[in-house]
Amino acid sequence: TGPFSEYHLLYQTIEHTLYNGAYTYNAKMHAHLSESGNYLISYN
């Protein structure tokens, strides 16, 4: 429940430069598909 630290940038999406009017949202880490030190993250 926090308090959480400041945000640290991991990745800047590029789809807004590839597709007309595109935007990205809903970033999530999938802990059950990740390993220690190797994290799987998805976004839409």
All heavy atoms as atom14 arrays in JSON, in Angstrom:
{
  "sequence": "TGPFSEYHLLYQTIEHTLYNGAYTYNAKMHAHLSESGNYLISYN",
  "atom14_mask": [
    [1, 1, 1, 1, 1, 1, 1, 0, 0, 0, 0, 0, 0, 0],
    [1, 1, 1, 1, 0, 0, 0, 0, 0, 0, 0, 0, 0, 0],
    [1, 1, 1, 1, 1, 1, 1, 0, 0, 0, 0, 0, 0, 0],
    [1, 1, 1, 1, 1, 1, 1, 1, 1, 1, 1, 0, 0, 0],
    [1, 1, 1, 1, 1, 1, 0, 0, 0, 0, 0, 0, 0, 0],
    [1, 1, 1, 1, 1, 1, 1, 1, 1, 0, 0, 0, 0, 0],
    [1, 1, 1, 1, 1, 1, 1, 1, 1, 1, 1, 1, 0, 0],
    [1, 1, 1, 1, 1, 1, 1, 1, 1, 1, 0, 0, 0, 0],
    [1, 1, 1, 1, 1, 1, 1, 1, 0, 0, 0, 0, 0, 0],
    [1, 1, 1, 1, 1, 1, 1, 1, 0, 0, 0, 0, 0, 0],
    [1, 1, 1, 1, 1, 1, 1, 1, 1, 1, 1, 1, 0, 0],
    [1, 1, 1, 1, 1, 1, 1, 1, 1, 0, 0, 0, 0, 0],
    [1, 1, 1, 1, 1, 1, 1, 0, 0, 0, 0, 0, 0, 0],
    [1, 1, 1, 1, 1, 1, 1, 1, 0, 0, 0, 0, 0, 0],
    [1, 1, 1, 1, 1, 1, 1, 1, 1, 0, 0, 0, 0, 0],
    [1, 1, 1, 1, 1, 1, 1, 1, 1, 1, 0, 0, 0, 0],
    [1, 1, 1, 1, 1, 1, 1, 0, 0, 0, 0, 0, 0, 0],
    [1, 1, 1, 1, 1, 1, 1, 1, 0, 0, 0, 0, 0, 0],
    [1, 1, 1, 1, 1, 1, 1, 1, 1, 1, 1, 1, 0, 0],
    [1, 1, 1, 1, 1, 1, 1, 1, 0, 0, 0, 0, 0, 0],
    [1, 1, 1, 1, 0, 0, 0, 0, 0, 0, 0, 0, 0, 0],
    [1, 1, 1, 1, 1, 0, 0, 0, 0, 0, 0, 0, 0, 0],
    [1, 1, 1, 1, 1, 1, 1, 1, 1, 1, 1, 1, 0, 0],
    [1, 1, 1, 1, 1, 1, 1, 0, 0, 0, 0, 0, 0, 0],
    [1, 1, 1, 1, 1, 1, 1, 1, 1, 1, 1, 1, 0, 0],
    [1, 1, 1, 1, 1, 1, 1, 1, 0, 0, 0, 0, 0, 0],
    [1, 1, 1, 1, 1, 0, 0, 0, 0, 0, 0, 0, 0, 0],
    [1, 1, 1, 1, 1, 1, 1, 1, 1, 0, 0, 0, 0, 0],
    [1, 1, 1, 1, 1, 1, 1, 1, 0, 0, 0, 0, 0, 0],
    [1, 1, 1, 1, 1, 1, 1, 1, 1, 1, 0, 0, 0, 0],
    [1, 1, 1, 1, 1, 0, 0, 0, 0, 0, 0, 0, 0, 0],
    [1, 1, 1, 1, 1, 1, 1, 1, 1, 1, 0, 0, 0, 0],
    [1, 1, 1, 1, 1, 1, 1, 1, 0, 0, 0, 0, 0, 0],
    [1, 1, 1, 1, 1, 1, 0, 0, 0, 0, 0, 0, 0, 0],
    [1, 1, 1, 1, 1, 1, 1, 1, 1, 0, 0, 0, 0, 0],
    [1, 1, 1, 1, 1, 1, 0, 0, 0, 0, 0, 0, 0, 0],
    [1, 1, 1, 1, 0, 0, 0, 0, 0, 0, 0, 0, 0, 0],
    [1, 1, 1, 1, 1, 1, 1, 1, 0, 0, 0, 0, 0, 0],
    [1, 1, 1, 1, 1, 1, 1, 1, 1, 1, 1, 1, 0, 0],
    [1, 1, 1, 1, 1, 1, 1, 1, 0, 0, 0, 0, 0, 0],
    [1, 1, 1, 1, 1, 1, 1, 1, 0, 0, 0, 0, 0, 0],
    [1, 1, 1, 1, 1, 1, 0, 0, 0, 0, 0, 0, 0, 0],
    [1, 1, 1, 1, 1, 1, 1, 1, 1, 1, 1, 1, 0, 0],
    [1, 1, 1, 1, 1, 1, 1, 1, 0, 0, 0, 0, 0, 0]
  ],
  "atom14_positions": [
    [[0.81, -1.22, 0.0], [0.0, 0.0, 0.0], [0.84, 1.27, 0.0], [0.31, 2.37, 0.08], [-0.94, 0.02, 1.22], [-0.16, -0.1, 2.41], [-1.95, -1.11, 1.14], [0.0, 0.0, 0.0], [0.0, 0.0, 0.0], [0.0, 0.0, 0.0], [0.0, 0.0, 0.0], [0.0, 0.0, 0.0], [0.0, 0.0, 0.0], [0.0, 0.0, 0.0]],
    [[2.17, 1.12, -0.08], [3.05, 2.29, -0.15], [3.45, 2.78, 1.23], [3.25, 2.08, 2.21], [0.0, 0.0, 0.0], [0.0, 0.0, 0.0], [0.0, 0.0, 0.0], [0.0, 0.0, 0.0], [0.0, 0.0, 0.0], [0.0, 0.0, 0.0], [0.0, 0.0, 0.0], [0.0, 0.0, 0.0], [0.0, 0.0, 0.0], [0.0, 0.0, 0.0]],
    [[4.04, 3.94, 1.28], [4.21, 4.9, 0.19], [5.26, 4.42, -0.82], [6.22, 3.76, -0.46], [4.68, 6.17, 0.9], [5.39, 5.68, 2.12], [4.65, 4.42, 2.54], [0.0, 0.0, 0.0], [0.0, 0.0, 0.0], [0.0, 0.0, 0.0], [0.0, 0.0, 0.0], [0.0, 0.0, 0.0], [0.0, 0.0, 0.0], [0.0, 0.0, 0.0]],
    [[5.03, 4.79, -2.08], [5.92, 4.4, -3.17], [6.91, 5.51, -3.48], [6.64, 6.69, -3.26], [5.11, 4.06, -4.42], [4.46, 2.71, -4.34], [3.22, 2.54, -3.77], [5.11, 1.58, -4.83], [2.62, 1.3, -3.69], [4.54, 0.33, -4.74], [3.28, 0.19, -4.17], [0.0, 0.0, 0.0], [0.0, 0.0, 0.0], [0.0, 0.0, 0.0]],
    [[8.03, 5.1, -4.03], [9.07, 6.05, -4.43], [8.59, 6.87, -5.63], [7.51, 6.62, -6.18], [10.34, 5.29, -4.82], [10.12, 4.55, -6.02], [0.0, 0.0, 0.0], [0.0, 0.0, 0.0], [0.0, 0.0, 0.0], [0.0, 0.0, 0.0], [0.0, 0.0, 0.0], [0.0, 0.0, 0.0], [0.0, 0.0, 0.0], [0.0, 0.0, 0.0]],
    [[9.4, 7.79, -6.05], [9.14, 8.51, -7.31], [9.19, 7.51, -8.45], [9.82, 6.45, -8.34], [10.22, 9.58, -7.54], [10.21, 10.69, -6.5], [8.97, 11.54, -6.57], [8.54, 11.87, -7.69], [8.42, 11.88, -5.51], [0.0, 0.0, 0.0], [0.0, 0.0, 0.0], [0.0, 0.0, 0.0], [0.0, 0.0, 0.0], [0.0, 0.0, 0.0]],
    [[8.58, 7.83, -9.58], [8.63, 6.96, -10.76], [10.02, 6.99, -11.38], [10.69, 8.02, -11.39], [7.62, 7.4, -11.81], [6.18, 7.12, -11.44], [5.23, 8.12, -11.55], [5.78, 5.87, -10.99], [3.9, 7.87, -11.23], [4.46, 5.62, -10.66], [3.53, 6.63, -10.78], [2.23, 6.37, -10.45], [0.0, 0.0, 0.0], [0.0, 0.0, 0.0]],
    [[10.41, 5.82, -11.92], [11.65, 5.68, -12.67], [11.28, 5.13, -14.05], [10.64, 4.09, -14.15], [12.61, 4.72, -11.97], [12.95, 5.14, -10.57], [13.92, 6.07, -10.29], [12.41, 4.78, -9.38], [13.98, 6.25, -8.98], [13.07, 5.48, -8.41], [0.0, 0.0, 0.0], [0.0, 0.0, 0.0], [0.0, 0.0, 0.0], [0.0, 0.0, 0.0]],
    [[11.69, 5.82, -15.09], [11.33, 5.44, -16.45], [12.03, 4.15, -16.85], [13.25, 4.0, -16.7], [11.71, 6.55, -17.44], [11.35, 6.31, -18.9], [9.83, 6.25, -19.09], [11.95, 7.41, -19.77], [0.0, 0.0, 0.0], [0.0, 0.0, 0.0], [0.0, 0.0, 0.0], [0.0, 0.0, 0.0], [0.0, 0.0, 0.0], [0.0, 0.0, 0.0]],
    [[11.24, 3.19, -17.36], [11.78, 1.93, -17.88], [11.82, 1.92, -19.4], [12.76, 1.42, -20.01], [10.91, 0.74, -17.43], [10.95, 0.35, -15.99], [9.88, -0.68, -15.69], [12.33, -0.23, -15.66], [0.0, 0.0, 0.0], [0.0, 0.0, 0.0], [0.0, 0.0, 0.0], [0.0, 0.0, 0.0], [0.0, 0.0, 0.0], [0.0, 0.0, 0.0]],
    [[10.76, 2.47, -20.01], [10.61, 2.35, -21.46], [9.68, 3.45, -21.96], [8.66, 3.73, -21.33], [10.03, 0.98, -21.79], [9.83, 0.7, -23.25], [10.91, 0.4, -24.08], [8.57, 0.72, -23.82], [10.73, 0.13, -25.42], [8.37, 0.45, -25.16], [9.47, 0.16, -25.96], [9.28, -0.11, -27.28], [0.0, 0.0, 0.0], [0.0, 0.0, 0.0]],
    [[10.04, 4.05, -23.09], [9.17, 5.03, -23.75], [8.58, 4.37, -24.99], [9.32, 3.95, -25.87], [9.96, 6.28, -24.15], [9.15, 7.3, -24.91], [8.07, 7.95, -24.08], [8.34, 8.5, -23.02], [6.83, 7.88, -24.55], [0.0, 0.0, 0.0], [0.0, 0.0, 0.0], [0.0, 0.0, 0.0], [0.0, 0.0, 0.0], [0.0, 0.0, 0.0]],
    [[7.26, 4.26, -25.05], [6.62, 3.62, -26.2], [6.76, 4.5, -27.44], [6.93, 5.72, -27.34], [5.13, 3.34, -25.92], [4.45, 4.58, -25.74], [4.96, 2.47, -24.7], [0.0, 0.0, 0.0], [0.0, 0.0, 0.0], [0.0, 0.0, 0.0], [0.0, 0.0, 0.0], [0.0, 0.0, 0.0], [0.0, 0.0, 0.0], [0.0, 0.0, 0.0]],
    [[6.67, 3.87, -28.63], [6.86, 4.62, -29.88], [5.66, 4.54, -30.82], [5.67, 5.15, -31.88], [8.1, 4.12, -30.63], [7.95, 2.64, -31.01], [9.36, 4.36, -29.83], [8.96, 2.14, -32.0], [0.0, 0.0, 0.0], [0.0, 0.0, 0.0], [0.0, 0.0, 0.0], [0.0, 0.0, 0.0], [0.0, 0.0, 0.0], [0.0, 0.0, 0.0]],
    [[4.63, 3.82, -30.44], [3.5, 3.61, -31.35], [2.83, 4.9, -31.8], [2.31, 4.98, -32.91], [2.47, 2.67, -30.73], [2.9, 1.22, -30.73], [3.93, 0.87, -29.67], [4.22, 1.72, -28.79], [4.46, -0.24, -29.7], [0.0, 0.0, 0.0], [0.0, 0.0, 0.0], [0.0, 0.0, 0.0], [0.0, 0.0, 0.0], [0.0, 0.0, 0.0]],
    [[2.87, 5.95, -30.98], [2.27, 7.22, -31.37], [2.98, 7.83, -32.58], [2.41, 8.64, -33.3], [2.25, 8.21, -30.2], [3.61, 8.65, -29.77], [4.44, 7.86, -28.99], [4.29, 9.78, -30.02], [5.57, 8.51, -28.78], [5.5, 9.68, -29.39], [0.0, 0.0, 0.0], [0.0, 0.0, 0.0], [0.0, 0.0, 0.0], [0.0, 0.0, 0.0]],
    [[4.22, 7.42, -32.83], [4.95, 7.91, -34.01], [4.73, 7.01, -35.23], [5.05, 7.42, -36.35], [6.47, 8.0, -33.74], [6.99, 6.68, -33.53], [6.76, 8.86, -32.53], [0.0, 0.0, 0.0], [0.0, 0.0, 0.0], [0.0, 0.0, 0.0], [0.0, 0.0, 0.0], [0.0, 0.0, 0.0], [0.0, 0.0, 0.0], [0.0, 0.0, 0.0]],
    [[4.21, 5.82, -35.03], [4.04, 4.86, -36.12], [2.64, 4.84, -36.71], [2.48, 4.54, -37.89], [4.37, 3.44, -35.6], [5.76, 3.22, -35.02], [5.87, 1.81, -34.46], [6.81, 3.48, -36.08], [0.0, 0.0, 0.0], [0.0, 0.0, 0.0], [0.0, 0.0, 0.0], [0.0, 0.0, 0.0], [0.0, 0.0, 0.0], [0.0, 0.0, 0.0]],
    [[1.64, 5.11, -35.88], [0.24, 4.99, -36.31], [-0.5, 6.29, -36.03], [-0.36, 6.87, -34.95], [-0.44, 3.84, -35.57], [0.28, 2.53, -35.69], [0.93, 1.97, -34.6], [0.33, 1.84, -36.9], [1.6, 0.76, -34.71], [1.0, 0.64, -37.02], [1.64, 0.1, -35.92], [2.3, -1.08, -36.03], [0.0, 0.0, 0.0], [0.0, 0.0, 0.0]],
    [[-1.31, 6.69, -36.96], [-2.07, 7.94, -36.89], [-3.03, 7.93, -35.7], [-3.91, 7.1, -35.62], [-2.84, 8.13, -38.19], [-3.46, 9.5, -38.31], [-3.19, 10.37, -37.5], [-4.28, 9.68, -39.32], [0.0, 0.0, 0.0], [0.0, 0.0, 0.0], [0.0, 0.0, 0.0], [0.0, 0.0, 0.0], [0.0, 0.0, 0.0], [0.0, 0.0, 0.0]],
    [[-2.82, 8.85, -34.76], [-3.69, 8.98, -33.6], [-3.5, 7.92, -32.53], [-4.32, 7.82, -31.62], [0.0, 0.0, 0.0], [0.0, 0.0, 0.0], [0.0, 0.0, 0.0], [0.0, 0.0, 0.0], [0.0, 0.0, 0.0], [0.0, 0.0, 0.0], [0.0, 0.0, 0.0], [0.0, 0.0, 0.0], [0.0, 0.0, 0.0], [0.0, 0.0, 0.0]],
    [[-2.45, 7.13, -32.62], [-2.25, 6.03, -31.67], [-1.82, 6.55, -30.29], [-1.14, 7.57, -30.17], [-1.21, 5.04, -32.19], [0.0, 0.0, 0.0], [0.0, 0.0, 0.0], [0.0, 0.0, 0.0], [0.0, 0.0, 0.0], [0.0, 0.0, 0.0], [0.0, 0.0, 0.0], [0.0, 0.0, 0.0], [0.0, 0.0, 0.0], [0.0, 0.0, 0.0]],
    [[-2.23, 5.82, -29.28], [-1.78, 6.09, -27.92], [-1.63, 4.76, -27.19], [-2.21, 3.75, -27.57], [-2.76, 7.01, -27.17], [-4.17, 6.49, -27.1], [-4.6, 5.71, -26.03], [-5.09, 6.8, -28.1], [-5.9, 5.24, -25.96], [-6.4, 6.34, -28.03], [-6.8, 5.56, -26.96], [-8.08, 5.1, -26.9], [0.0, 0.0, 0.0], [0.0, 0.0, 0.0]],
    [[-0.8, 4.76, -26.16], [-0.54, 3.54, -25.39], [-1.03, 3.73, -23.97], [-1.08, 4.84, -23.46], [0.97, 3.21, -25.39], [1.69, 4.34, -24.91], [1.46, 2.87, -26.79], [0.0, 0.0, 0.0], [0.0, 0.0, 0.0], [0.0, 0.0, 0.0], [0.0, 0.0, 0.0], [0.0, 0.0, 0.0], [0.0, 0.0, 0.0], [0.0, 0.0, 0.0]],
    [[-1.4, 2.61, -23.34], [-1.99, 2.68, -22.0], [-1.9, 1.3, -21.34], [-1.53, 0.32, -21.98], [-3.46, 3.13, -22.08], [-4.35, 2.16, -22.81], [-5.17, 1.28, -22.12], [-4.37, 2.1, -24.2], [-5.99, 0.38, -22.8], [-5.17, 1.21, -24.89], [-5.98, 0.36, -24.18], [-6.77, -0.55, -24.84], [0.0, 0.0, 0.0], [0.0, 0.0, 0.0]],
    [[-2.23, 1.22, -20.07], [-2.43, -0.04, -19.35], [-1.16, -0.87, -19.16], [-1.18, -2.08, -19.32], [-3.51, -0.86, -20.08], [-4.14, -1.91, -19.21], [-4.26, -1.73, -18.02], [-4.54, -3.01, -19.81], [0.0, 0.0, 0.0], [0.0, 0.0, 0.0], [0.0, 0.0, 0.0], [0.0, 0.0, 0.0], [0.0, 0.0, 0.0], [0.0, 0.0, 0.0]],
    [[-0.06, -0.24, -18.82], [1.18, -0.99, -18.56], [1.02, -1.84, -17.3], [0.5, -1.37, -16.28], [2.35, -0.04, -18.4], [0.0, 0.0, 0.0], [0.0, 0.0, 0.0], [0.0, 0.0, 0.0], [0.0, 0.0, 0.0], [0.0, 0.0, 0.0], [0.0, 0.0, 0.0], [0.0, 0.0, 0.0], [0.0, 0.0, 0.0], [0.0, 0.0, 0.0]],
    [[1.44, -3.09, -17.39], [1.36, -4.02, -16.25], [2.57, -4.95, -16.26], [2.98, -5.41, -17.31], [0.11, -4.89, -16.36], [-1.19, -4.13, -16.28], [-2.35, -5.08, -16.2], [-3.67, -4.36, -16.14], [-3.85, -3.52, -15.01], [0.0, 0.0, 0.0], [0.0, 0.0, 0.0], [0.0, 0.0, 0.0], [0.0, 0.0, 0.0], [0.0, 0.0, 0.0]],
    [[3.08, -5.23, -15.07], [4.12, -6.24, -14.95], [3.45, -7.58, -14.64], [2.51, -7.64, -13.86], [5.12, -5.92, -13.85], [6.23, -6.96, -13.79], [7.58, -6.54, -12.7], [6.86, -6.88, -11.12], [0.0, 0.0, 0.0], [0.0, 0.0, 0.0], [0.0, 0.0, 0.0], [0.0, 0.0, 0.0], [0.0, 0.0, 0.0], [0.0, 0.0, 0.0]],
    [[3.93, -8.62, -15.27], [3.39, -9.97, -15.06], [4.37, -10.76, -14.2], [5.24, -11.46, -14.72], [3.15, -10.64, -16.41], [2.22, -9.85, -17.27], [0.86, -9.95, -17.15], [2.46, -8.93, -18.22], [0.29, -9.13, -18.01], [1.23, -8.49, -18.67], [0.0, 0.0, 0.0], [0.0, 0.0, 0.0], [0.0, 0.0, 0.0], [0.0, 0.0, 0.0]],
    [[4.21, -10.63, -12.88], [5.13, -11.28, -11.95], [5.14, -12.8, -12.12], [6.19, -13.43, -12.0], [4.76, -10.91, -10.52], [0.0, 0.0, 0.0], [0.0, 0.0, 0.0], [0.0, 0.0, 0.0], [0.0, 0.0, 0.0], [0.0, 0.0, 0.0], [0.0, 0.0, 0.0], [0.0, 0.0, 0.0], [0.0, 0.0, 0.0], [0.0, 0.0, 0.0]],
    [[4.0, -13.39, -12.43], [3.9, -14.85, -12.57], [4.61, -15.35, -13.83], [4.89, -16.54, -13.95], [2.44, -15.29, -12.57], [1.64, -14.75, -13.7], [1.32, -13.41, -13.81], [1.1, -15.36, -14.77], [0.62, -13.23, -14.9], [0.47, -14.38, -15.5], [0.0, 0.0, 0.0], [0.0, 0.0, 0.0], [0.0, 0.0, 0.0], [0.0, 0.0, 0.0]],
    [[4.92, -14.46, -14.77], [5.66, -14.83, -15.98], [7.07, -14.26, -15.98], [7.78, -14.37, -16.98], [4.91, -14.34, -17.23], [3.51, -14.93, -17.42], [2.82, -14.25, -18.58], [3.59, -16.44, -17.63], [0.0, 0.0, 0.0], [0.0, 0.0, 0.0], [0.0, 0.0, 0.0], [0.0, 0.0, 0.0], [0.0, 0.0, 0.0], [0.0, 0.0, 0.0]],
    [[7.46, -13.65, -14.89], [8.78, -13.04, -14.76], [9.68, -13.91, -13.91], [9.22, -14.77, -13.17], [8.67, -11.65, -14.11], [7.89, -10.78, -14.9], [0.0, 0.0, 0.0], [0.0, 0.0, 0.0], [0.0, 0.0, 0.0], [0.0, 0.0, 0.0], [0.0, 0.0, 0.0], [0.0, 0.0, 0.0], [0.0, 0.0, 0.0], [0.0, 0.0, 0.0]],
    [[10.97, -13.65, -14.02], [11.97, -14.29, -13.18], [12.69, -13.2, -12.41], [12.6, -12.03, -12.77], [12.96, -15.07, -14.05], [12.32, -16.15, -14.89], [13.28, -16.71, -15.93], [14.39, -16.17, -16.1], [12.9, -17.69, -16.59], [0.0, 0.0, 0.0], [0.0, 0.0, 0.0], [0.0, 0.0, 0.0], [0.0, 0.0, 0.0], [0.0, 0.0, 0.0]],
    [[13.39, -13.58, -11.39], [14.15, -12.6, -10.62], [15.12, -11.86, -11.54], [15.93, -12.47, -12.22], [14.92, -13.3, -9.5], [15.64, -12.35, -8.76], [0.0, 0.0, 0.0], [0.0, 0.0, 0.0], [0.0, 0.0, 0.0], [0.0, 0.0, 0.0], [0.0, 0.0, 0.0], [0.0, 0.0, 0.0], [0.0, 0.0, 0.0], [0.0, 0.0, 0.0]],
    [[14.98, -10.53, -11.58], [15.86, -9.72, -12.41], [15.52, -9.71, -13.89], [16.25, -9.13, -14.69], [0.0, 0.0, 0.0], [0.0, 0.0, 0.0], [0.0, 0.0, 0.0], [0.0, 0.0, 0.0], [0.0, 0.0, 0.0], [0.0, 0.0, 0.0], [0.0, 0.0, 0.0], [0.0, 0.0, 0.0], [0.0, 0.0, 0.0], [0.0, 0.0, 0.0]],
    [[14.42, -10.34, -14.29], [14.02, -10.4, -15.7], [12.49, -10.29, -15.74], [11.79, -11.28, -15.55], [14.5, -11.7, -16.32], [14.26, -11.76, -17.81], [13.64, -10.89, -18.4], [14.78, -12.81, -18.41], [0.0, 0.0, 0.0], [0.0, 0.0, 0.0], [0.0, 0.0, 0.0], [0.0, 0.0, 0.0], [0.0, 0.0, 0.0], [0.0, 0.0, 0.0]],
    [[11.99, -9.08, -15.97], [10.58, -8.79, -15.78], [9.84, -8.68, -17.12], [10.31, -8.02, -18.05], [10.43, -7.48, -15.01], [11.26, -7.46, -13.75], [12.39, -6.67, -13.66], [10.94, -8.27, -12.67], [13.17, -6.65, -12.52], [11.71, -8.27, -11.52], [12.83, -7.46, -11.45], [13.59, -7.46, -10.32], [0.0, 0.0, 0.0], [0.0, 0.0, 0.0]],
    [[8.66, -9.3, -17.2], [7.82, -9.2, -18.39], [6.75, -8.15, -18.13], [6.02, -8.22, -17.14], [7.16, -10.54, -18.71], [6.24, -10.53, -19.94], [7.06, -10.28, -21.21], [5.49, -11.84, -20.04], [0.0, 0.0, 0.0], [0.0, 0.0, 0.0], [0.0, 0.0, 0.0], [0.0, 0.0, 0.0], [0.0, 0.0, 0.0], [0.0, 0.0, 0.0]],
    [[6.66, -7.16, -19.03], [5.71, -6.06, -18.91], [4.92, -5.96, -20.22], [5.49, -6.11, -21.3], [6.45, -4.73, -18.63], [7.2, -4.84, -17.3], [5.5, -3.55, -18.65], [8.15, -3.71, -17.02], [0.0, 0.0, 0.0], [0.0, 0.0, 0.0], [0.0, 0.0, 0.0], [0.0, 0.0, 0.0], [0.0, 0.0, 0.0], [0.0, 0.0, 0.0]],
    [[3.63, -5.72, -20.09], [2.79, -5.53, -21.28], [2.15, -4.16, -21.24], [2.04, -3.52, -20.2], [1.7, -6.61, -21.36], [0.77, -6.44, -20.31], [0.0, 0.0, 0.0], [0.0, 0.0, 0.0], [0.0, 0.0, 0.0], [0.0, 0.0, 0.0], [0.0, 0.0, 0.0], [0.0, 0.0, 0.0], [0.0, 0.0, 0.0], [0.0, 0.0, 0.0]],
    [[1.75, -3.69, -22.43], [0.93, -2.48, -22.54], [0.07, -2.62, -23.78], [0.31, -3.48, -24.63], [1.78, -1.21, -22.56], [2.72, -1.08, -23.74], [2.33, -0.4, -24.89], [4.0, -1.61, -23.72], [3.18, -0.26, -25.98], [4.86, -1.48, -24.78], [4.45, -0.8, -25.91], [5.3, -0.67, -26.97], [0.0, 0.0, 0.0], [0.0, 0.0, 0.0]],
    [[-0.95, -1.78, -23.88], [-1.89, -1.84, -24.99], [-1.81, -0.59, -25.84], [-1.35, 0.46, -25.39], [-3.32, -2.02, -24.47], [-3.49, -3.36, -23.8], [-3.25, -4.39, -24.4], [-3.89, -3.36, -22.54], [0.0, 0.0, 0.0], [0.0, 0.0, 0.0], [0.0, 0.0, 0.0], [0.0, 0.0, 0.0], [0.0, 0.0, 0.0], [0.0, 0.0, 0.0]]
  ]
}
